[in-house]
């Protein structure tokens, strides 16, 4: 199959789920990142665990893990896959007003786990917003990106400058 062909379209251009039935299950891993921008004061409240709705990072981590498990129900053409591991790490750079969420998802399946990793980060970032909106409404979800994926046809990694390999 050509790398330039959209795999989720049939011959008539209609959206379809890709048939992965002939593929052999293999170990797959993906990491993604989301960044949430806010004022330094709000970021300090997040760092201190002192937001109006409580401790932000723990709730965001759990929301991301829970979301990864629901990816097949949220993304119309994503395959529901058995996850063997999901985690979301959270960090705060209060001076820059930045919360960074990094997820990792793993499976042994016929298809990759990139969408699960990215869904985990996206929902964790939305949860950060929800948890701090009582302090600040101007919070921005700045970025959700795939950092790397292994397994399947080929491995892929974003380089340190944010460019794709």
C-alpha atoms as a PDB file:
ATOM      1  CA  UNK A   1       0.000   0.000   0.000  1.00  0.00           C
ATOM      2  CA  UNK A   2       1.314   3.444  -0.915  1.00  0.00           C
ATOM      3  CA  UNK A   3       2.353   5.744   1.925  1.00  0.00           C
ATOM      4  CA  UNK A   4       0.404   8.604   0.260  1.00  0.00           C
ATOM      5  CA  UNK A   5      -2.931   6.746   0.093  1.00  0.00           C
ATOM      6  CA  UNK A   6      -5.410   7.502   2.842  1.00  0.00           C
ATOM      7  CA  UNK A   7      -6.000   4.104   4.414  1.00  0.00           C
ATOM      8  CA  UNK A   8      -9.386   4.976   5.932  1.00  0.00           C
ATOM      9  CA  UNK A   9     -11.037   5.600   2.540  1.00  0.00           C
ATOM     10  CA  UNK A  10     -12.427   2.906   0.288  1.00  0.00           C
ATOM     11  CA  UNK A  11     -12.203   2.933  -3.516  1.00  0.00           C
ATOM     12  CA  UNK A  12     -15.244   5.259  -3.680  1.00  0.00           C
ATOM     13  CA  UNK A  13     -13.790   7.740  -1.187  1.00  0.00           C
ATOM     14  CA  UNK A  14     -16.048   6.673   1.675  1.00  0.00           C
ATOM     15  CA  UNK A  15     -14.695   6.482   5.222  1.00  0.00           C
ATOM     16  CA  UNK A  16     -14.095   2.944   6.440  1.00  0.00           C
ATOM     17  CA  UNK A  17     -12.363   1.078   9.209  1.00  0.00           C
ATOM     18  CA  UNK A  18      -9.135  -0.541   8.051  1.00  0.00           C
ATOM     19  CA  UNK A  19      -9.208  -4.347   8.044  1.00  0.00           C
ATOM     20  CA  UNK A  20      -6.308  -5.495  10.231  1.00  0.00           C
ATOM     21  CA  UNK A  21      -7.487  -9.112  10.457  1.00  0.00           C
ATOM     22  CA  UNK A  22      -4.599 -10.503   8.396  1.00  0.00           C
ATOM     23  CA  UNK A  23      -1.915  -8.802  10.492  1.00  0.00           C
ATOM     24  CA  UNK A  24      -0.116 -10.688  13.220  1.00  0.00           C
ATOM     25  CA  UNK A  25      -0.414  -9.238  16.734  1.00  0.00           C
ATOM     26  CA  UNK A  26       2.795  -7.586  17.897  1.00  0.00           C
ATOM     27  CA  UNK A  27       3.983  -5.415  20.746  1.00  0.00           C
ATOM     28  CA  UNK A  28       3.141  -1.772  20.121  1.00  0.00           C
ATOM     29  CA  UNK A  29       4.028   1.327  22.139  1.00  0.00           C
ATOM     30  CA  UNK A  30       3.309   5.035  21.703  1.00  0.00           C
ATOM     31  CA  UNK A  31       4.140   8.201  23.621  1.00  0.00           C
ATOM     32  CA  UNK A  32       2.402  11.554  23.216  1.00  0.00           C
ATOM     33  CA  UNK A  33       2.563  14.988  24.809  1.00  0.00           C
ATOM     34  CA  UNK A  34       0.098  17.781  25.536  1.00  0.00           C
ATOM     35  CA  UNK A  35       0.973  21.256  26.748  1.00  0.00           C
ATOM     36  CA  UNK A  36      -1.382  23.549  28.612  1.00  0.00           C
ATOM     37  CA  UNK A  37      -0.497  27.261  28.885  1.00  0.00           C
ATOM     38  CA  UNK A  38      -1.729  29.468  31.744  1.00  0.00           C
ATOM     39  CA  UNK A  39      -0.518  32.345  33.879  1.00  0.00           C
ATOM     40  CA  UNK A  40       2.364  31.633  36.242  1.00  0.00           C
ATOM     41  CA  UNK A  41       0.016  32.256  39.195  1.00  0.00           C
ATOM     42  CA  UNK A  42      -2.380  29.554  38.009  1.00  0.00           C
ATOM     43  CA  UNK A  43       0.507  27.188  37.298  1.00  0.00           C
ATOM     44  CA  UNK A  44       1.789  27.737  40.838  1.00  0.00           C
ATOM     45  CA  UNK A  45      -1.643  26.792  42.208  1.00  0.00           C
ATOM     46  CA  UNK A  46      -1.550  23.619  40.097  1.00  0.00           C
ATOM     47  CA  UNK A  47       1.967  22.844  41.314  1.00  0.00           C
ATOM     48  CA  UNK A  48       0.928  23.377  44.940  1.00  0.00           C
ATOM     49  CA  UNK A  49      -2.212  21.264  44.559  1.00  0.00           C
ATOM     50  CA  UNK A  50      -4.284  24.296  45.510  1.00  0.00           C
ATOM     51  CA  UNK A  51      -6.869  24.744  42.748  1.00  0.00           C
ATOM     52  CA  UNK A  52     -10.587  25.394  43.412  1.00  0.00           C
ATOM     53  CA  UNK A  53     -11.568  21.819  42.476  1.00  0.00           C
ATOM     54  CA  UNK A  54      -8.636  20.216  44.277  1.00  0.00           C
ATOM     55  CA  UNK A  55      -5.419  18.515  43.231  1.00  0.00           C
ATOM     56  CA  UNK A  56      -5.221  18.996  39.450  1.00  0.00           C
ATOM     57  CA  UNK A  57      -2.443  16.705  38.273  1.00  0.00           C
ATOM     58  CA  UNK A  58      -3.672  13.499  39.890  1.00  0.00           C
ATOM     59  CA  UNK A  59      -7.178  13.983  38.514  1.00  0.00           C
ATOM     60  CA  UNK A  60      -5.792  14.834  35.057  1.00  0.00           C
ATOM     61  CA  UNK A  61      -3.600  11.711  35.058  1.00  0.00           C
ATOM     62  CA  UNK A  62      -6.555   9.473  35.944  1.00  0.00           C
ATOM     63  CA  UNK A  63      -8.768  11.162  33.340  1.00  0.00           C
ATOM     64  CA  UNK A  64      -6.111  10.521  30.688  1.00  0.00           C
ATOM     65  CA  UNK A  65      -5.773   6.864  31.631  1.00  0.00           C
ATOM     66  CA  UNK A  66      -9.534   6.423  31.594  1.00  0.00           C
ATOM     67  CA  UNK A  67      -9.816   8.190  28.217  1.00  0.00           C
ATOM     68  CA  UNK A  68      -7.171   5.979  26.610  1.00  0.00           C
ATOM     69  CA  UNK A  69      -9.310   2.963  27.496  1.00  0.00           C
ATOM     70  CA  UNK A  70     -12.273   4.576  25.675  1.00  0.00           C
ATOM     71  CA  UNK A  71     -10.479   5.593  22.475  1.00  0.00           C
ATOM     72  CA  UNK A  72     -12.270   3.052  20.280  1.00  0.00           C
ATOM     73  CA  UNK A  73     -15.610   4.522  21.394  1.00  0.00           C
ATOM     74  CA  UNK A  74     -14.501   8.139  20.899  1.00  0.00           C
ATOM     75  CA  UNK A  75     -12.653   8.022  17.563  1.00  0.00           C
ATOM     76  CA  UNK A  76     -15.050   6.608  14.937  1.00  0.00           C
ATOM     77  CA  UNK A  77     -12.564   4.600  12.858  1.00  0.00           C
ATOM     78  CA  UNK A  78     -10.174   3.572  15.653  1.00  0.00           C
ATOM     79  CA  UNK A  79     -10.104  -0.113  16.528  1.00  0.00           C
ATOM     80  CA  UNK A  80     -10.916  -1.021  20.123  1.00  0.00           C
ATOM     81  CA  UNK A  81      -7.696  -2.641  21.327  1.00  0.00           C
ATOM     82  CA  UNK A  82      -6.651  -4.336  24.564  1.00  0.00           C
ATOM     83  CA  UNK A  83      -4.273  -2.056  26.422  1.00  0.00           C
ATOM     84  CA  UNK A  84      -1.529  -3.671  28.464  1.00  0.00           C
ATOM     85  CA  UNK A  85      -0.346  -0.366  29.989  1.00  0.00           C
ATOM     86  CA  UNK A  86      -1.319   3.302  30.066  1.00  0.00           C
ATOM     87  CA  UNK A  87       0.171   6.094  32.133  1.00  0.00           C
ATOM     88  CA  UNK A  88       0.213   9.872  32.081  1.00  0.00           C
ATOM     89  CA  UNK A  89       3.042  11.816  33.709  1.00  0.00           C
ATOM     90  CA  UNK A  90       2.449  15.462  34.577  1.00  0.00           C
ATOM     91  CA  UNK A  91       4.888  18.261  35.196  1.00  0.00           C
ATOM     92  CA  UNK A  92       4.613  21.975  35.891  1.00  0.00           C
ATOM     93  CA  UNK A  93       6.937  24.814  34.923  1.00  0.00           C
ATOM     94  CA  UNK A  94       5.300  27.531  37.004  1.00  0.00           C
ATOM     95  CA  UNK A  95       7.577  30.343  35.826  1.00  0.00           C
ATOM     96  CA  UNK A  96       6.606  29.654  32.202  1.00  0.00           C
ATOM     97  CA  UNK A  97       2.960  28.990  33.064  1.00  0.00           C
ATOM     98  CA  UNK A  98       3.129  25.533  31.530  1.00  0.00           C
ATOM     99  CA  UNK A  99       1.691  22.148  32.453  1.00  0.00           C
ATOM    100  CA  UNK A 100       3.082  19.299  30.383  1.00  0.00           C
ATOM    101  CA  UNK A 101       1.419  15.907  30.172  1.00  0.00           C
ATOM    102  CA  UNK A 102       3.223  12.929  28.640  1.00  0.00           C
ATOM    103  CA  UNK A 103       1.395   9.673  28.072  1.00  0.00           C
ATOM    104  CA  UNK A 104       2.555   6.194  27.241  1.00  0.00           C
ATOM    105  CA  UNK A 105       0.302   3.435  25.964  1.00  0.00           C
ATOM    106  CA  UNK A 106       1.182  -0.184  25.183  1.00  0.00           C
ATOM    107  CA  UNK A 107      -0.604  -3.131  23.647  1.00  0.00           C
ATOM    108  CA  UNK A 108      -0.081  -6.446  21.938  1.00  0.00           C
ATOM    109  CA  UNK A 109      -2.401  -6.102  18.944  1.00  0.00           C
ATOM    110  CA  UNK A 110      -2.784  -5.979  15.177  1.00  0.00           C
ATOM    111  CA  UNK A 111      -2.834  -2.188  15.083  1.00  0.00           C
ATOM    112  CA  UNK A 112      -0.997   0.660  16.751  1.00  0.00           C
ATOM    113  CA  UNK A 113      -1.680   2.487  19.966  1.00  0.00           C
ATOM    114  CA  UNK A 114      -0.948   6.078  18.870  1.00  0.00           C
ATOM    115  CA  UNK A 115      -4.555   7.235  19.150  1.00  0.00           C
ATOM    116  CA  UNK A 116      -4.780   5.919  22.701  1.00  0.00           C
ATOM    117  CA  UNK A 117      -1.656   7.838  23.730  1.00  0.00           C
ATOM    118  CA  UNK A 118      -2.878  11.037  22.075  1.00  0.00           C
ATOM    119  CA  UNK A 119      -6.395  10.667  23.506  1.00  0.00           C
ATOM    120  CA  UNK A 120      -4.906  10.243  26.980  1.00  0.00           C
ATOM    121  CA  UNK A 121      -2.999  13.517  26.622  1.00  0.00           C
ATOM    122  CA  UNK A 122      -5.890  15.442  25.087  1.00  0.00           C
ATOM    123  CA  UNK A 123      -8.336  14.464  27.827  1.00  0.00           C
ATOM    124  CA  UNK A 124      -5.746  15.028  30.561  1.00  0.00           C
ATOM    125  CA  UNK A 125      -5.191  18.529  29.149  1.00  0.00           C
ATOM    126  CA  UNK A 126      -8.941  19.221  29.028  1.00  0.00           C
ATOM    127  CA  UNK A 127      -9.156  18.056  32.631  1.00  0.00           C
ATOM    128  CA  UNK A 128      -6.446  20.532  33.645  1.00  0.00           C
ATOM    129  CA  UNK A 129      -8.551  23.277  32.056  1.00  0.00           C
ATOM    130  CA  UNK A 130     -11.675  22.095  33.853  1.00  0.00           C
ATOM    131  CA  UNK A 131      -9.867  21.968  37.189  1.00  0.00           C
ATOM    132  CA  UNK A 132      -8.437  25.513  36.940  1.00  0.00           C
ATOM    133  CA  UNK A 133     -11.176  27.412  35.111  1.00  0.00           C
ATOM    134  CA  UNK A 134     -12.285  28.861  38.454  1.00  0.00           C
ATOM    135  CA  UNK A 135      -8.904  30.614  38.625  1.00  0.00           C
ATOM    136  CA  UNK A 136      -8.441  31.470  34.961  1.00  0.00           C
ATOM    137  CA  UNK A 137     -10.585  31.184  31.840  1.00  0.00           C
ATOM    138  CA  UNK A 138      -7.770  32.062  29.424  1.00  0.00           C
ATOM    139  CA  UNK A 139      -5.988  28.716  29.719  1.00  0.00           C
ATOM    140  CA  UNK A 140      -4.900  27.355  26.325  1.00  0.00           C
ATOM    141  CA  UNK A 141      -4.461  23.778  25.188  1.00  0.00           C
ATOM    142  CA  UNK A 142      -1.393  24.514  23.160  1.00  0.00           C
ATOM    143  CA  UNK A 143      -0.313  21.222  21.689  1.00  0.00           C
ATOM    144  CA  UNK A 144      -1.106  17.530  21.429  1.00  0.00           C
ATOM    145  CA  UNK A 145       1.584  15.625  19.518  1.00  0.00           C
ATOM    146  CA  UNK A 146       2.789  12.104  18.995  1.00  0.00           C
ATOM    147  CA  UNK A 147       6.340  11.785  20.324  1.00  0.00           C
ATOM    148  CA  UNK A 148       7.118   8.265  19.187  1.00  0.00           C
ATOM    149  CA  UNK A 149       5.669   4.920  18.245  1.00  0.00           C
ATOM    150  CA  UNK A 150       7.239   1.484  18.063  1.00  0.00           C
ATOM    151  CA  UNK A 151       5.990  -1.754  16.624  1.00  0.00           C
ATOM    152  CA  UNK A 152       4.082  -2.445  13.472  1.00  0.00           C
ATOM    153  CA  UNK A 153       5.477  -1.716  10.030  1.00  0.00           C
ATOM    154  CA  UNK A 154       8.041   0.830  11.208  1.00  0.00           C
ATOM    155  CA  UNK A 155       9.086   2.810  14.250  1.00  0.00           C
ATOM    156  CA  UNK A 156       8.769   6.597  14.301  1.00  0.00           C
ATOM    157  CA  UNK A 157      10.124   9.317  16.572  1.00  0.00           C
ATOM    158  CA  UNK A 158       9.786  13.112  16.704  1.00  0.00           C
ATOM    159  CA  UNK A 159      13.233  14.679  16.947  1.00  0.00           C
ATOM    160  CA  UNK A 160      14.250  17.100  19.725  1.00  0.00           C
ATOM    161  CA  UNK A 161      13.341  20.150  17.610  1.00  0.00           C
ATOM    162  CA  UNK A 162       9.778  18.960  17.203  1.00  0.00           C
ATOM    163  CA  UNK A 163      10.340  17.832  13.618  1.00  0.00           C
ATOM    164  CA  UNK A 164       9.254  14.443  12.320  1.00  0.00           C
ATOM    165  CA  UNK A 165      11.673  11.654  11.395  1.00  0.00           C
END
